[in-house]
Each structure stands twice: as structure tokens, then as C-alpha cells.
Amino acid sequence: MSELSHVTAMVHGHVQGVFYRVFASRVAKSLGVRGYVQNLPRGGVEVQAEGDKDKLEELVRQLELGPPEALVEQVDVKWSEFTGQFVRFEVRS
């Protein structure tokens, strides 16, 4: 049986203005996880996602790579309990 979980990933580096949010959304949707991605006011990107832990681990691996235009310097990851608060994965401003 799969384990449901929640992950918060704070992505640092050159990740704004390089289609990083579109990339993250595409990966998350392909993995079937729910949540959101958004730019942070002081730079960086935040990803909140829920679903099967194996799928979330793959999402984090992809976030560490990013799209070709990005330069990911660091991804801070925090795991927590599944809440069921998301109905889909979306890109937020």
C-alpha cells in the first residue's frame, strides 16, 4: 500500500523568469500529485505537494534538476503529514 505524504520544497537559485513554475507543474501533474508552485517575493520558488510519497520523492528529484534555463542551487525539503487540502496542482502568482 502506498504511503500518502506532504512535502514543502523551497527552491533557491536562478529559478524565476525561466519557466520553472511551468516545469514544476508539468512534472507534478505527470506524477499525479496535487498542490501548487509559486514564486517567492525575495526570489526562489515554493512547492507544496501531496500524494504518494514515492511520487513526491521523484518530484523533489526533478525540482533539483529544474528546466534547462534554470540554475538550481539548493532545495530545502520538509516532510509532513498528508492533509488532503488540494484538489489539483496549480501555478500560483
C-alpha atoms as a PDB file:
ATOM      1  CA  MET A   1       0.000   0.000   0.000  1.00  0.00           C
ATOM      2  CA  SER A   2       1.275   3.461  -0.833  1.00  0.00           C
ATOM      3  CA  GLU A   3       2.067   5.988   1.854  1.00  0.00           C
ATOM      4  CA  LEU A   4       0.479   9.419   1.448  1.00  0.00           C
ATOM      5  CA  SER A   5       2.560  12.418   2.474  1.00  0.00           C
ATOM      6  CA  HIS A   6       3.005  16.186   2.155  1.00  0.00           C
ATOM      7  CA  VAL A   7       6.191  17.902   1.024  1.00  0.00           C
ATOM      8  CA  THR A   8       7.255  21.530   1.108  1.00  0.00           C
ATOM      9  CA  ALA A   9      10.176  22.355  -1.168  1.00  0.00           C
ATOM     10  CA  MET A  10      11.866  25.747  -1.188  1.00  0.00           C
ATOM     11  CA  VAL A  11      13.935  26.066  -4.362  1.00  0.00           C
ATOM     12  CA  HIS A  12      16.836  28.545  -4.424  1.00  0.00           C
ATOM     13  CA  GLY A  13      18.917  29.783  -7.336  1.00  0.00           C
ATOM     14  CA  HIS A  14      18.107  31.276 -10.723  1.00  0.00           C
ATOM     15  CA  VAL A  15      14.567  29.880 -10.838  1.00  0.00           C
ATOM     16  CA  GLN A  16      12.371  32.878 -11.649  1.00  0.00           C
ATOM     17  CA  GLY A  17      11.785  34.003 -15.222  1.00  0.00           C
ATOM     18  CA  VAL A  18      12.993  30.667 -16.611  1.00  0.00           C
ATOM     19  CA  PHE A  19       9.673  28.744 -16.768  1.00  0.00           C
ATOM     20  CA  TYR A  20      10.454  26.914 -13.534  1.00  0.00           C
ATOM     21  CA  ARG A  21       6.839  27.046 -12.313  1.00  0.00           C
ATOM     22  CA  VAL A  22       5.580  25.621 -15.625  1.00  0.00           C
ATOM     23  CA  PHE A  23       8.223  22.889 -15.402  1.00  0.00           C
ATOM     24  CA  ALA A  24       7.272  22.022 -11.799  1.00  0.00           C
ATOM     25  CA  SER A  25       3.577  21.962 -12.668  1.00  0.00           C
ATOM     26  CA  ARG A  26       4.135  19.686 -15.656  1.00  0.00           C
ATOM     27  CA  VAL A  27       6.197  17.235 -13.583  1.00  0.00           C
ATOM     28  CA  ALA A  28       3.725  17.249 -10.687  1.00  0.00           C
ATOM     29  CA  LYS A  29       0.757  16.630 -12.966  1.00  0.00           C
ATOM     30  CA  SER A  30       2.562  13.800 -14.761  1.00  0.00           C
ATOM     31  CA  LEU A  31       3.211  12.179 -11.375  1.00  0.00           C
ATOM     32  CA  GLY A  32      -0.391  12.644 -10.249  1.00  0.00           C
ATOM     33  CA  VAL A  33       0.380  14.758  -7.183  1.00  0.00           C
ATOM     34  CA  ARG A  34      -1.653  17.746  -6.011  1.00  0.00           C
ATOM     35  CA  GLY A  35      -0.635  21.129  -4.645  1.00  0.00           C
ATOM     36  CA  TYR A  36       0.886  24.302  -6.021  1.00  0.00           C
ATOM     37  CA  VAL A  37       4.028  26.109  -7.099  1.00  0.00           C
ATOM     38  CA  GLN A  38       4.616  29.837  -6.660  1.00  0.00           C
ATOM     39  CA  ASN A  39       7.345  32.433  -6.897  1.00  0.00           C
ATOM     40  CA  LEU A  40       8.530  33.938  -3.631  1.00  0.00           C
ATOM     41  CA  PRO A  41       8.780  37.732  -3.220  1.00  0.00           C
ATOM     42  CA  ARG A  42      12.504  37.660  -2.412  1.00  0.00           C
ATOM     43  CA  GLY A  43      13.415  35.150  -5.096  1.00  0.00           C
ATOM     44  CA  GLY A  44      13.140  31.421  -5.217  1.00  0.00           C
ATOM     45  CA  VAL A  45      10.158  29.169  -5.677  1.00  0.00           C
ATOM     46  CA  GLU A  46       7.933  27.343  -3.198  1.00  0.00           C
ATOM     47  CA  VAL A  47       6.318  23.999  -3.969  1.00  0.00           C
ATOM     48  CA  GLN A  48       3.671  22.433  -1.734  1.00  0.00           C
ATOM     49  CA  ALA A  49       2.570  18.987  -2.852  1.00  0.00           C
ATOM     50  CA  GLU A  50       0.717  15.951  -1.582  1.00  0.00           C
ATOM     51  CA  GLY A  51       0.300  12.406  -2.778  1.00  0.00           C
ATOM     52  CA  ASP A  52       2.107   9.092  -2.802  1.00  0.00           C
ATOM     53  CA  LYS A  53       5.472   9.513  -1.085  1.00  0.00           C
ATOM     54  CA  ASP A  54       7.335   7.721  -3.894  1.00  0.00           C
ATOM     55  CA  LYS A  55       5.869  10.178  -6.417  1.00  0.00           C
ATOM     56  CA  LEU A  56       6.762  13.133  -4.190  1.00  0.00           C
ATOM     57  CA  GLU A  57      10.341  11.894  -3.890  1.00  0.00           C
ATOM     58  CA  GLU A  58      10.535  11.823  -7.690  1.00  0.00           C
ATOM     59  CA  LEU A  59       9.076  15.335  -7.813  1.00  0.00           C
ATOM     60  CA  VAL A  60      11.827  16.544  -5.473  1.00  0.00           C
ATOM     61  CA  ARG A  61      14.498  14.891  -7.660  1.00  0.00           C
ATOM     62  CA  GLN A  62      13.099  16.719 -10.686  1.00  0.00           C
ATOM     63  CA  LEU A  63      12.900  20.017  -8.780  1.00  0.00           C
ATOM     64  CA  GLU A  64      16.619  19.662  -8.033  1.00  0.00           C
ATOM     65  CA  LEU A  65      17.283  19.473 -11.781  1.00  0.00           C
ATOM     66  CA  GLY A  66      14.820  22.100 -12.999  1.00  0.00           C
ATOM     67  CA  PRO A  67      14.290  23.145 -16.612  1.00  0.00           C
ATOM     68  CA  PRO A  68      17.322  23.792 -18.863  1.00  0.00           C
ATOM     69  CA  GLU A  69      17.200  27.586 -18.327  1.00  0.00           C
ATOM     70  CA  ALA A  70      17.269  27.329 -14.523  1.00  0.00           C
ATOM     71  CA  LEU A  71      20.225  27.135 -12.166  1.00  0.00           C
ATOM     72  CA  VAL A  72      19.061  25.332  -9.036  1.00  0.00           C
ATOM     73  CA  GLU A  73      21.482  25.971  -6.181  1.00  0.00           C
ATOM     74  CA  GLN A  74      19.598  24.351  -3.304  1.00  0.00           C
ATOM     75  CA  VAL A  75      16.271  22.696  -2.495  1.00  0.00           C
ATOM     76  CA  ASP A  76      15.160  22.723   1.144  1.00  0.00           C
ATOM     77  CA  VAL A  77      12.689  19.904   1.742  1.00  0.00           C
ATOM     78  CA  LYS A  78      10.332  19.436   4.676  1.00  0.00           C
ATOM     79  CA  TRP A  79       8.093  16.384   5.018  1.00  0.00           C
ATOM     80  CA  SER A  80       4.831  16.397   6.940  1.00  0.00           C
ATOM     81  CA  GLU A  81       1.548  14.516   7.214  1.00  0.00           C
ATOM     82  CA  PHE A  82      -0.899  14.293   4.334  1.00  0.00           C
ATOM     83  CA  THR A  83      -3.819  16.734   4.749  1.00  0.00           C
ATOM     84  CA  GLY A  84      -5.923  16.233   1.627  1.00  0.00           C
ATOM     85  CA  GLN A  85      -6.241  20.002   1.205  1.00  0.00           C
ATOM     86  CA  PHE A  86      -5.506  20.121  -2.543  1.00  0.00           C
ATOM     87  CA  VAL A  87      -7.797  19.053  -5.395  1.00  0.00           C
ATOM     88  CA  ARG A  88      -5.305  19.593  -8.256  1.00  0.00           C
ATOM     89  CA  PHE A  89      -1.846  21.003  -8.943  1.00  0.00           C
ATOM     90  CA  GLU A  90      -1.754  24.693  -9.861  1.00  0.00           C
ATOM     91  CA  VAL A  91       0.612  27.514 -10.666  1.00  0.00           C
ATOM     92  CA  ARG A  92       0.155  30.497  -8.379  1.00  0.00           C
ATOM     93  CA  SER A  93       1.476  34.019  -8.925  1.00  0.00           C
END
